[in-house]
Amino acid sequence: MQRRTIFDAVRAMLGHGFRQAEVAALDRAINASLGAETAPLRTLSVEGIALIKRFEGCERKRADGLVEAYPDPGSGGDPWTIGWGATGAGIGPGTVWTQAQCDERLAQDLIRYAGDVGRSLGASPTSQAQFDALVSFHYNTGALPRSTLLRHHLAGDWPAAAAEFGRWKHAGGRIMAGLVRRRAAEARLYLAGS
């Protein structure tokens, strides 16, 4: 089950995003409904947040201080992005947010993606640096749960896991220089914690 689907549906019904406490409460309710054990909440470090912000940027700031949505660099269209890499329902051509909206969405997304990664890792030994690198990867790709990278990490083969980051450098069928740089930075951080 994809928690994002539930979060997006509730967000759409409410007409606004979530505060951190609301995300945690909804996560607990989902876990309880599935009979899942509640794993300790893992959070990103300052270094992990800085890594994500460095590569996501907060692009398309206008002279009036507002931030505009922009098309995906790989496809030239969907998914449209705004702020710190936010995509999804309601974001498209003409979408404009304040800096505060961009920052709030980042905070919500980081909680959600850190939760996704934490659930994927389970009780697997993972350093803070490894966790930060995996959240950055997942924030950008959404692919951690089905990746070979995760399988290598769970097996404790950290060099093989680190090598997997570099495979995720394509968008729109082409190699993107920004993704090459990001994956290299994530792999360095991951290995620093190994």
N, C-alpha and C. Protein backbone atom coordinates (compact mmCIF):
# COMPACT_ATOMS: atom_id res chain seq x y z
N MET A 1 0.84 -1.18 0.00
CA MET A 1 0.00 0.00 0.00
C MET A 1 0.89 1.24 0.00
N GLN A 2 0.51 2.22 -0.77
CA GLN A 2 1.27 3.46 -0.83
C GLN A 2 0.64 4.49 0.09
N ARG A 3 1.37 4.88 1.12
CA ARG A 3 0.88 5.87 2.07
C ARG A 3 0.65 7.22 1.39
N ARG A 4 1.45 7.51 0.38
CA ARG A 4 1.32 8.79 -0.30
C ARG A 4 -0.10 8.98 -0.84
N THR A 5 -0.69 7.91 -1.36
CA THR A 5 -2.05 7.98 -1.89
C THR A 5 -3.02 8.43 -0.79
N ILE A 6 -2.88 7.86 0.39
CA ILE A 6 -3.75 8.22 1.51
C ILE A 6 -3.51 9.66 1.92
N PHE A 7 -2.23 10.03 2.07
CA PHE A 7 -1.90 11.41 2.47
C PHE A 7 -2.41 12.42 1.45
N ASP A 8 -2.23 12.12 0.16
CA ASP A 8 -2.70 13.04 -0.88
C ASP A 8 -4.22 13.18 -0.86
N ALA A 9 -4.91 12.06 -0.63
CA ALA A 9 -6.38 12.10 -0.59
C ALA A 9 -6.87 12.93 0.59
N VAL A 10 -6.30 12.71 1.76
CA VAL A 10 -6.71 13.46 2.95
C VAL A 10 -6.36 14.94 2.77
N ARG A 11 -5.17 15.22 2.23
CA ARG A 11 -4.75 16.60 1.98
C ARG A 11 -5.76 17.29 1.04
N ALA A 12 -6.18 16.58 0.00
CA ALA A 12 -7.15 17.15 -0.95
C ALA A 12 -8.50 17.40 -0.28
N MET A 13 -8.93 16.47 0.58
CA MET A 13 -10.20 16.66 1.28
C MET A 13 -10.16 17.85 2.22
N LEU A 14 -9.03 18.02 2.89
CA LEU A 14 -8.91 19.12 3.84
C LEU A 14 -8.65 20.45 3.16
N GLY A 15 -8.05 20.40 1.98
CA GLY A 15 -7.74 21.63 1.26
C GLY A 15 -6.48 22.32 1.77
N HIS A 16 -5.67 21.61 2.55
CA HIS A 16 -4.40 22.17 3.03
C HIS A 16 -3.47 21.04 3.42
N GLY A 17 -2.21 21.39 3.67
CA GLY A 17 -1.22 20.40 4.07
C GLY A 17 -1.34 20.04 5.53
N PHE A 18 -0.38 19.25 6.00
CA PHE A 18 -0.38 18.76 7.37
C PHE A 18 0.72 19.41 8.19
N ARG A 19 0.47 19.53 9.48
CA ARG A 19 1.53 19.86 10.43
C ARG A 19 2.22 18.56 10.80
N GLN A 20 3.43 18.64 11.36
CA GLN A 20 4.20 17.45 11.69
C GLN A 20 3.42 16.50 12.60
N ALA A 21 2.74 17.04 13.58
CA ALA A 21 1.98 16.19 14.51
C ALA A 21 0.85 15.45 13.78
N GLU A 22 0.25 16.10 12.80
CA GLU A 22 -0.83 15.46 12.03
C GLU A 22 -0.30 14.34 11.16
N VAL A 23 0.90 14.53 10.56
CA VAL A 23 1.51 13.47 9.77
C VAL A 23 1.79 12.25 10.65
N ALA A 24 2.35 12.49 11.83
CA ALA A 24 2.65 11.40 12.75
C ALA A 24 1.38 10.67 13.18
N ALA A 25 0.32 11.42 13.46
CA ALA A 25 -0.95 10.81 13.88
C ALA A 25 -1.55 9.96 12.76
N LEU A 26 -1.52 10.48 11.53
CA LEU A 26 -2.07 9.73 10.40
C LEU A 26 -1.23 8.48 10.15
N ASP A 27 0.09 8.60 10.26
CA ASP A 27 0.96 7.44 10.11
C ASP A 27 0.64 6.36 11.15
N ARG A 28 0.43 6.78 12.41
CA ARG A 28 0.08 5.82 13.46
C ARG A 28 -1.25 5.14 13.15
N ALA A 29 -2.22 5.90 12.65
CA ALA A 29 -3.52 5.32 12.32
C ALA A 29 -3.39 4.30 11.19
N ILE A 30 -2.59 4.60 10.19
CA ILE A 30 -2.38 3.66 9.08
C ILE A 30 -1.71 2.40 9.60
N ASN A 31 -0.65 2.57 10.42
CA ASN A 31 0.04 1.42 11.00
C ASN A 31 -0.92 0.56 11.81
N ALA A 32 -1.75 1.20 12.64
CA ALA A 32 -2.69 0.46 13.47
C ALA A 32 -3.68 -0.31 12.61
N SER A 33 -4.15 0.30 11.52
CA SER A 33 -5.13 -0.38 10.68
C SER A 33 -4.52 -1.57 9.95
N LEU A 34 -3.22 -1.54 9.75
CA LEU A 34 -2.54 -2.64 9.08
C LEU A 34 -1.99 -3.66 10.07
N GLY A 35 -2.11 -3.34 11.37
CA GLY A 35 -1.56 -4.22 12.38
C GLY A 35 -0.05 -4.15 12.42
N ALA A 36 0.52 -3.05 11.87
CA ALA A 36 1.97 -2.91 11.82
C ALA A 36 2.50 -2.42 13.15
N GLU A 37 3.69 -2.85 13.48
CA GLU A 37 4.35 -2.33 14.66
C GLU A 37 4.81 -0.92 14.35
N THR A 38 4.78 -0.07 15.34
CA THR A 38 5.25 1.28 15.16
C THR A 38 6.75 1.30 15.39
N ALA A 39 7.50 1.56 14.31
CA ALA A 39 8.95 1.63 14.41
C ALA A 39 9.33 3.00 14.96
N PRO A 40 10.50 3.09 15.59
CA PRO A 40 10.92 4.40 16.08
C PRO A 40 11.02 5.37 14.90
N LEU A 41 10.59 6.57 15.13
CA LEU A 41 10.61 7.59 14.09
C LEU A 41 12.04 8.04 13.87
N ARG A 42 12.52 7.90 12.65
CA ARG A 42 13.86 8.36 12.30
C ARG A 42 13.71 9.68 11.58
N THR A 43 14.62 10.58 11.85
CA THR A 43 14.56 11.89 11.22
C THR A 43 15.88 12.19 10.52
N LEU A 44 15.78 13.07 9.55
CA LEU A 44 16.96 13.53 8.84
C LEU A 44 17.81 14.41 9.73
N SER A 45 19.10 14.38 9.50
CA SER A 45 20.01 15.29 10.19
C SER A 45 20.05 16.61 9.42
N VAL A 46 20.69 17.60 10.00
CA VAL A 46 20.87 18.88 9.33
C VAL A 46 21.63 18.68 8.02
N GLU A 47 22.61 17.78 8.03
CA GLU A 47 23.39 17.50 6.81
C GLU A 47 22.50 16.89 5.72
N GLY A 48 21.61 15.99 6.11
CA GLY A 48 20.70 15.38 5.13
C GLY A 48 19.75 16.39 4.52
N ILE A 49 19.21 17.28 5.34
CA ILE A 49 18.32 18.32 4.83
C ILE A 49 19.08 19.25 3.89
N ALA A 50 20.31 19.59 4.27
CA ALA A 50 21.13 20.47 3.42
C ALA A 50 21.41 19.83 2.07
N LEU A 51 21.65 18.52 2.05
CA LEU A 51 21.90 17.82 0.79
C LEU A 51 20.68 17.92 -0.12
N ILE A 52 19.51 17.65 0.43
CA ILE A 52 18.29 17.73 -0.37
C ILE A 52 18.07 19.15 -0.88
N LYS A 53 18.21 20.12 0.00
CA LYS A 53 18.01 21.51 -0.41
C LYS A 53 19.01 21.94 -1.49
N ARG A 54 20.25 21.47 -1.37
CA ARG A 54 21.27 21.85 -2.36
C ARG A 54 20.88 21.39 -3.75
N PHE A 55 20.34 20.19 -3.86
CA PHE A 55 20.03 19.67 -5.18
C PHE A 55 18.62 20.01 -5.65
N GLU A 56 17.71 20.23 -4.75
CA GLU A 56 16.35 20.60 -5.16
C GLU A 56 16.27 22.09 -5.45
N GLY A 57 17.05 22.89 -4.70
CA GLY A 57 16.97 24.34 -4.87
C GLY A 57 15.56 24.82 -4.54
N CYS A 58 15.35 26.05 -4.66
CA CYS A 58 14.00 26.59 -4.57
C CYS A 58 13.92 27.52 -5.77
N GLU A 59 13.71 26.91 -6.91
CA GLU A 59 13.84 27.57 -8.21
C GLU A 59 12.67 28.50 -8.54
N ARG A 60 12.91 29.28 -9.55
CA ARG A 60 11.90 30.17 -10.15
C ARG A 60 11.33 31.20 -9.20
N LYS A 61 12.22 31.84 -8.43
CA LYS A 61 11.76 32.94 -7.58
C LYS A 61 11.54 34.17 -8.45
N ARG A 62 10.42 34.79 -8.25
CA ARG A 62 10.07 35.98 -9.00
C ARG A 62 10.54 37.23 -8.25
N ALA A 63 10.51 38.36 -8.92
CA ALA A 63 10.92 39.63 -8.31
C ALA A 63 10.04 39.99 -7.12
N ASP A 64 8.77 39.54 -7.12
CA ASP A 64 7.87 39.85 -6.00
C ASP A 64 8.03 38.88 -4.84
N GLY A 65 9.01 37.95 -4.93
CA GLY A 65 9.28 37.02 -3.85
C GLY A 65 8.51 35.72 -3.93
N LEU A 66 7.55 35.63 -4.82
CA LEU A 66 6.79 34.38 -4.98
C LEU A 66 7.59 33.39 -5.82
N VAL A 67 7.21 32.13 -5.73
CA VAL A 67 7.91 31.06 -6.42
C VAL A 67 6.95 30.42 -7.41
N GLU A 68 7.40 30.25 -8.67
CA GLU A 68 6.57 29.67 -9.73
C GLU A 68 6.92 28.20 -9.95
N ALA A 69 5.94 27.43 -10.39
CA ALA A 69 6.17 26.05 -10.79
C ALA A 69 6.92 26.02 -12.12
N TYR A 70 7.66 24.94 -12.34
CA TYR A 70 8.40 24.78 -13.59
C TYR A 70 8.27 23.33 -14.06
N PRO A 71 8.43 23.10 -15.38
CA PRO A 71 8.30 21.73 -15.89
C PRO A 71 9.51 20.88 -15.54
N ASP A 72 9.30 19.59 -15.55
CA ASP A 72 10.37 18.63 -15.29
C ASP A 72 11.50 18.85 -16.31
N PRO A 73 12.75 18.96 -15.84
CA PRO A 73 13.85 19.20 -16.77
C PRO A 73 14.06 18.06 -17.77
N GLY A 74 13.72 16.84 -17.38
CA GLY A 74 13.91 15.71 -18.28
C GLY A 74 12.85 15.61 -19.36
N SER A 75 11.60 15.90 -18.99
CA SER A 75 10.50 15.73 -19.95
C SER A 75 10.05 17.04 -20.58
N GLY A 76 10.36 18.16 -19.92
CA GLY A 76 9.88 19.45 -20.41
C GLY A 76 8.40 19.66 -20.09
N GLY A 77 7.81 18.76 -19.31
CA GLY A 77 6.40 18.84 -18.94
C GLY A 77 6.18 18.22 -17.57
N ASP A 78 5.25 17.26 -17.51
CA ASP A 78 4.95 16.60 -16.23
C ASP A 78 6.13 15.77 -15.76
N PRO A 79 6.37 15.65 -14.48
CA PRO A 79 5.64 16.34 -13.42
C PRO A 79 6.17 17.76 -13.21
N TRP A 80 5.26 18.69 -13.05
CA TRP A 80 5.61 20.06 -12.73
C TRP A 80 6.08 20.12 -11.29
N THR A 81 7.02 21.00 -11.02
CA THR A 81 7.67 21.08 -9.73
C THR A 81 7.63 22.51 -9.21
N ILE A 82 7.57 22.65 -7.90
CA ILE A 82 7.61 23.98 -7.30
C ILE A 82 8.39 23.90 -5.99
N GLY A 83 9.01 24.99 -5.62
CA GLY A 83 9.72 25.07 -4.36
C GLY A 83 10.88 24.12 -4.28
N TRP A 84 10.92 23.37 -3.19
CA TRP A 84 12.02 22.44 -2.91
C TRP A 84 11.74 21.08 -3.51
N GLY A 85 11.33 21.03 -4.76
CA GLY A 85 11.10 19.75 -5.43
C GLY A 85 9.72 19.17 -5.24
N ALA A 86 8.75 19.97 -4.84
CA ALA A 86 7.39 19.47 -4.61
C ALA A 86 6.69 19.20 -5.94
N THR A 87 6.04 18.06 -6.03
CA THR A 87 5.24 17.69 -7.20
C THR A 87 3.91 17.15 -6.71
N GLY A 88 3.00 16.89 -7.63
CA GLY A 88 1.75 16.25 -7.24
C GLY A 88 0.54 17.06 -7.61
N ALA A 89 -0.59 16.64 -7.04
CA ALA A 89 -1.88 17.26 -7.34
C ALA A 89 -1.84 18.75 -7.06
N GLY A 90 -2.38 19.51 -8.00
CA GLY A 90 -2.48 20.95 -7.83
C GLY A 90 -1.25 21.73 -8.25
N ILE A 91 -0.20 21.05 -8.70
CA ILE A 91 1.02 21.73 -9.13
C ILE A 91 1.14 21.59 -10.64
N GLY A 92 1.12 22.71 -11.34
CA GLY A 92 1.21 22.70 -12.79
C GLY A 92 1.53 24.09 -13.29
N PRO A 93 1.38 24.31 -14.59
CA PRO A 93 1.65 25.63 -15.14
C PRO A 93 0.80 26.68 -14.43
N GLY A 94 1.43 27.76 -14.04
CA GLY A 94 0.71 28.85 -13.37
C GLY A 94 0.63 28.73 -11.87
N THR A 95 1.08 27.62 -11.28
CA THR A 95 1.07 27.49 -9.82
C THR A 95 2.11 28.43 -9.22
N VAL A 96 1.71 29.19 -8.20
CA VAL A 96 2.60 30.13 -7.53
C VAL A 96 2.42 29.96 -6.03
N TRP A 97 3.53 29.87 -5.31
CA TRP A 97 3.51 29.73 -3.85
C TRP A 97 4.37 30.81 -3.22
N THR A 98 4.11 31.06 -1.94
CA THR A 98 5.00 31.90 -1.15
C THR A 98 6.19 31.05 -0.70
N GLN A 99 7.24 31.70 -0.23
CA GLN A 99 8.38 30.96 0.31
C GLN A 99 7.94 30.13 1.51
N ALA A 100 7.03 30.67 2.32
CA ALA A 100 6.55 29.92 3.48
C ALA A 100 5.83 28.64 3.05
N GLN A 101 5.05 28.70 1.97
CA GLN A 101 4.39 27.50 1.47
C GLN A 101 5.42 26.47 0.99
N CYS A 102 6.46 26.94 0.31
CA CYS A 102 7.52 26.04 -0.16
C CYS A 102 8.20 25.36 1.03
N ASP A 103 8.51 26.14 2.05
CA ASP A 103 9.21 25.60 3.22
C ASP A 103 8.32 24.63 4.00
N GLU A 104 7.04 24.93 4.12
CA GLU A 104 6.11 24.04 4.83
C GLU A 104 5.95 22.73 4.08
N ARG A 105 5.83 22.80 2.76
CA ARG A 105 5.70 21.57 1.97
C ARG A 105 6.96 20.72 2.10
N LEU A 106 8.14 21.36 2.09
CA LEU A 106 9.38 20.61 2.28
C LEU A 106 9.35 19.88 3.62
N ALA A 107 8.97 20.57 4.67
CA ALA A 107 8.93 19.95 6.00
C ALA A 107 7.99 18.74 6.00
N GLN A 108 6.82 18.88 5.39
CA GLN A 108 5.87 17.77 5.33
C GLN A 108 6.43 16.61 4.52
N ASP A 109 7.03 16.94 3.36
CA ASP A 109 7.57 15.90 2.50
C ASP A 109 8.73 15.16 3.16
N LEU A 110 9.58 15.90 3.88
CA LEU A 110 10.71 15.25 4.54
C LEU A 110 10.24 14.25 5.60
N ILE A 111 9.20 14.59 6.33
CA ILE A 111 8.64 13.67 7.32
C ILE A 111 8.11 12.42 6.62
N ARG A 112 7.38 12.64 5.55
CA ARG A 112 6.79 11.51 4.83
C ARG A 112 7.85 10.61 4.21
N TYR A 113 8.82 11.21 3.53
CA TYR A 113 9.86 10.40 2.88
C TYR A 113 10.76 9.72 3.91
N ALA A 114 11.07 10.39 5.00
CA ALA A 114 11.86 9.75 6.06
C ALA A 114 11.08 8.56 6.63
N GLY A 115 9.77 8.71 6.78
CA GLY A 115 8.94 7.60 7.24
C GLY A 115 8.95 6.44 6.27
N ASP A 116 8.84 6.74 4.97
CA ASP A 116 8.91 5.69 3.95
C ASP A 116 10.21 4.92 4.05
N VAL A 117 11.32 5.66 4.16
CA VAL A 117 12.63 5.03 4.22
C VAL A 117 12.75 4.21 5.50
N GLY A 118 12.31 4.77 6.62
CA GLY A 118 12.37 4.04 7.88
C GLY A 118 11.61 2.73 7.82
N ARG A 119 10.42 2.75 7.22
CA ARG A 119 9.64 1.51 7.09
C ARG A 119 10.35 0.52 6.17
N SER A 120 10.97 1.02 5.10
CA SER A 120 11.69 0.13 4.18
C SER A 120 12.90 -0.52 4.86
N LEU A 121 13.54 0.23 5.75
CA LEU A 121 14.75 -0.28 6.43
C LEU A 121 14.42 -1.23 7.57
N GLY A 122 13.26 -1.05 8.19
CA GLY A 122 12.93 -1.88 9.34
C GLY A 122 13.99 -1.77 10.40
N ALA A 123 14.46 -2.90 10.90
CA ALA A 123 15.47 -2.92 11.96
C ALA A 123 16.89 -3.03 11.40
N SER A 124 17.05 -2.88 10.10
CA SER A 124 18.37 -3.00 9.48
C SER A 124 19.34 -1.96 10.04
N PRO A 125 20.55 -2.38 10.41
CA PRO A 125 21.52 -1.41 10.90
C PRO A 125 21.78 -0.33 9.84
N THR A 126 21.60 0.91 10.24
CA THR A 126 21.74 2.03 9.31
C THR A 126 22.26 3.23 10.07
N SER A 127 23.36 3.79 9.61
CA SER A 127 23.91 4.98 10.26
C SER A 127 23.08 6.20 9.86
N GLN A 128 23.27 7.29 10.57
CA GLN A 128 22.56 8.52 10.24
C GLN A 128 22.93 8.99 8.82
N ALA A 129 24.22 8.90 8.47
CA ALA A 129 24.65 9.33 7.13
C ALA A 129 24.00 8.46 6.05
N GLN A 130 23.94 7.15 6.28
CA GLN A 130 23.29 6.27 5.31
C GLN A 130 21.80 6.60 5.19
N PHE A 131 21.15 6.82 6.32
CA PHE A 131 19.73 7.16 6.32
C PHE A 131 19.51 8.46 5.53
N ASP A 132 20.32 9.47 5.79
CA ASP A 132 20.19 10.75 5.09
C ASP A 132 20.34 10.57 3.58
N ALA A 133 21.34 9.79 3.17
CA ALA A 133 21.56 9.56 1.74
C ALA A 133 20.38 8.83 1.11
N LEU A 134 19.84 7.84 1.83
CA LEU A 134 18.71 7.07 1.30
C LEU A 134 17.45 7.93 1.21
N VAL A 135 17.23 8.83 2.17
CA VAL A 135 16.07 9.72 2.10
C VAL A 135 16.22 10.68 0.93
N SER A 136 17.41 11.23 0.72
CA SER A 136 17.63 12.12 -0.42
C SER A 136 17.32 11.40 -1.72
N PHE A 137 17.83 10.17 -1.85
CA PHE A 137 17.57 9.35 -3.04
C PHE A 137 16.07 9.14 -3.23
N HIS A 138 15.40 8.73 -2.16
CA HIS A 138 13.97 8.44 -2.25
C HIS A 138 13.16 9.70 -2.51
N TYR A 139 13.55 10.81 -1.92
CA TYR A 139 12.86 12.09 -2.15
C TYR A 139 12.88 12.45 -3.63
N ASN A 140 13.99 12.16 -4.27
CA ASN A 140 14.15 12.51 -5.69
C ASN A 140 13.54 11.48 -6.63
N THR A 141 13.63 10.19 -6.27
CA THR A 141 13.19 9.15 -7.20
C THR A 141 11.88 8.47 -6.81
N GLY A 142 11.60 8.42 -5.52
CA GLY A 142 10.43 7.66 -5.04
C GLY A 142 10.59 6.16 -5.21
N ALA A 143 11.81 5.71 -5.51
CA ALA A 143 12.02 4.32 -5.92
C ALA A 143 12.70 3.43 -4.89
N LEU A 144 13.02 3.93 -3.72
CA LEU A 144 13.80 3.12 -2.79
C LEU A 144 13.18 1.76 -2.48
N PRO A 145 11.88 1.66 -2.16
CA PRO A 145 11.35 0.35 -1.75
C PRO A 145 11.51 -0.76 -2.79
N ARG A 146 11.59 -0.42 -4.07
CA ARG A 146 11.69 -1.45 -5.10
C ARG A 146 13.09 -1.52 -5.72
N SER A 147 14.07 -0.88 -5.09
CA SER A 147 15.40 -0.75 -5.70
C SER A 147 16.37 -1.84 -5.27
N THR A 148 17.32 -2.11 -6.15
CA THR A 148 18.43 -2.99 -5.82
C THR A 148 19.29 -2.34 -4.74
N LEU A 149 19.36 -1.03 -4.74
CA LEU A 149 20.09 -0.29 -3.71
C LEU A 149 19.60 -0.73 -2.32
N LEU A 150 18.30 -0.75 -2.12
CA LEU A 150 17.75 -1.16 -0.82
C LEU A 150 18.09 -2.61 -0.53
N ARG A 151 17.96 -3.48 -1.52
CA ARG A 151 18.26 -4.90 -1.29
C ARG A 151 19.71 -5.08 -0.83
N HIS A 152 20.64 -4.36 -1.46
CA HIS A 152 22.05 -4.45 -1.04
C HIS A 152 22.23 -3.91 0.37
N HIS A 153 21.56 -2.80 0.67
CA HIS A 153 21.69 -2.22 2.01
C HIS A 153 21.17 -3.20 3.07
N LEU A 154 20.01 -3.76 2.85
CA LEU A 154 19.42 -4.69 3.81
C LEU A 154 20.29 -5.93 4.00
N ALA A 155 21.04 -6.29 2.96
CA ALA A 155 21.95 -7.44 3.04
C ALA A 155 23.27 -7.07 3.71
N GLY A 156 23.45 -5.77 4.00
CA GLY A 156 24.70 -5.33 4.62
C GLY A 156 25.85 -5.15 3.65
N ASP A 157 25.56 -5.19 2.36
CA ASP A 157 26.60 -5.01 1.33
C ASP A 157 26.64 -3.53 0.95
N TRP A 158 27.24 -2.75 1.83
CA TRP A 158 27.21 -1.31 1.66
C TRP A 158 27.99 -0.80 0.44
N PRO A 159 29.14 -1.39 0.09
CA PRO A 159 29.80 -0.94 -1.14
C PRO A 159 28.92 -1.15 -2.38
N ALA A 160 28.23 -2.29 -2.44
CA ALA A 160 27.34 -2.55 -3.59
C ALA A 160 26.16 -1.58 -3.57
N ALA A 161 25.64 -1.29 -2.38
CA ALA A 161 24.53 -0.33 -2.28
C ALA A 161 25.00 1.04 -2.76
N ALA A 162 26.17 1.47 -2.32
CA ALA A 162 26.68 2.78 -2.73
C ALA A 162 26.85 2.86 -4.25
N ALA A 163 27.28 1.77 -4.87
CA ALA A 163 27.46 1.75 -6.32
C ALA A 163 26.14 1.91 -7.07
N GLU A 164 25.04 1.51 -6.44
CA GLU A 164 23.72 1.60 -7.08
C GLU A 164 23.23 3.05 -7.27
N PHE A 165 23.66 3.96 -6.41
CA PHE A 165 23.21 5.35 -6.55
C PHE A 165 23.45 5.86 -7.96
N GLY A 166 24.65 5.59 -8.48
CA GLY A 166 25.04 6.11 -9.79
C GLY A 166 24.22 5.63 -10.96
N ARG A 167 23.47 4.56 -10.78
CA ARG A 167 22.63 4.05 -11.88
C ARG A 167 21.42 4.95 -12.12
N TRP A 168 21.04 5.77 -11.14
CA TRP A 168 19.82 6.57 -11.19
C TRP A 168 20.13 7.99 -11.64
N LYS A 169 20.58 8.12 -12.88
CA LYS A 169 21.03 9.40 -13.41
C LYS A 169 20.26 9.84 -14.65
N HIS A 170 19.23 9.11 -15.00
CA HIS A 170 18.48 9.41 -16.22
C HIS A 170 17.15 10.09 -15.92
N ALA A 171 16.75 10.97 -16.81
CA ALA A 171 15.41 11.57 -16.80
C ALA A 171 15.05 11.85 -18.24
N GLY A 172 13.84 11.51 -18.60
CA GLY A 172 13.42 11.72 -19.98
C GLY A 172 14.28 10.96 -20.97
N GLY A 173 14.85 9.81 -20.54
CA GLY A 173 15.65 8.99 -21.43
C GLY A 173 17.07 9.46 -21.63
N ARG A 174 17.49 10.51 -20.91
CA ARG A 174 18.86 10.99 -21.07
C ARG A 174 19.54 11.16 -19.73
N ILE A 175 20.87 11.12 -19.78
CA ILE A 175 21.66 11.34 -18.57
C ILE A 175 21.62 12.82 -18.24
N MET A 176 21.28 13.13 -16.99
CA MET A 176 21.20 14.51 -16.53
C MET A 176 22.39 14.81 -15.62
N ALA A 177 23.15 15.84 -15.96
CA ALA A 177 24.35 16.20 -15.20
C ALA A 177 24.02 16.45 -13.73
N GLY A 178 22.89 17.09 -13.45
CA GLY A 178 22.49 17.35 -12.07
C GLY A 178 22.25 16.07 -11.29
N LEU A 179 21.68 15.07 -11.96
CA LEU A 179 21.45 13.78 -11.29
C LEU A 179 22.76 13.04 -11.07
N VAL A 180 23.69 13.16 -12.00
CA VAL A 180 25.01 12.54 -11.81
C VAL A 180 25.67 13.13 -10.56
N ARG A 181 25.63 14.47 -10.42
CA ARG A 181 26.23 15.12 -9.26
C ARG A 181 25.50 14.73 -7.97
N ARG A 182 24.18 14.68 -8.02
CA ARG A 182 23.41 14.34 -6.81
C ARG A 182 23.70 12.92 -6.37
N ARG A 183 23.68 11.98 -7.31
CA ARG A 183 23.93 10.59 -6.95
C ARG A 183 25.34 10.41 -6.38
N ALA A 184 26.32 11.13 -6.92
CA ALA A 184 27.68 11.05 -6.40
C ALA A 184 27.73 11.58 -4.97
N ALA A 185 27.04 12.67 -4.71
CA ALA A 185 27.01 13.25 -3.35
C ALA A 185 26.31 12.30 -2.39
N GLU A 186 25.21 11.68 -2.83
CA GLU A 186 24.50 10.73 -1.97
C GLU A 186 25.37 9.52 -1.67
N ALA A 187 26.08 9.01 -2.67
CA ALA A 187 26.95 7.84 -2.47
C ALA A 187 28.08 8.18 -1.51
N ARG A 188 28.66 9.38 -1.64
CA ARG A 188 29.73 9.79 -0.71
C ARG A 188 29.21 9.85 0.73
N LEU A 189 28.03 10.45 0.90
CA LEU A 189 27.45 10.54 2.24
C LEU A 189 27.15 9.14 2.77
N TYR A 190 26.58 8.30 1.95
CA TYR A 190 26.25 6.93 2.35
C TYR A 190 27.51 6.19 2.81
N LEU A 191 28.58 6.28 2.03
CA LEU A 191 29.82 5.58 2.38
C LEU A 191 30.48 6.17 3.62
N ALA A 192 30.29 7.48 3.85
CA ALA A 192 30.86 8.11 5.04
C ALA A 192 30.28 7.50 6.30
N GLY A 193 29.08 6.97 6.20
CA GLY A 193 28.43 6.36 7.36
C GLY A 193 28.57 4.86 7.43
N SER A 194 29.33 4.28 6.53
CA SER A 194 29.46 2.81 6.47
C SER A 194 30.56 2.32 7.39
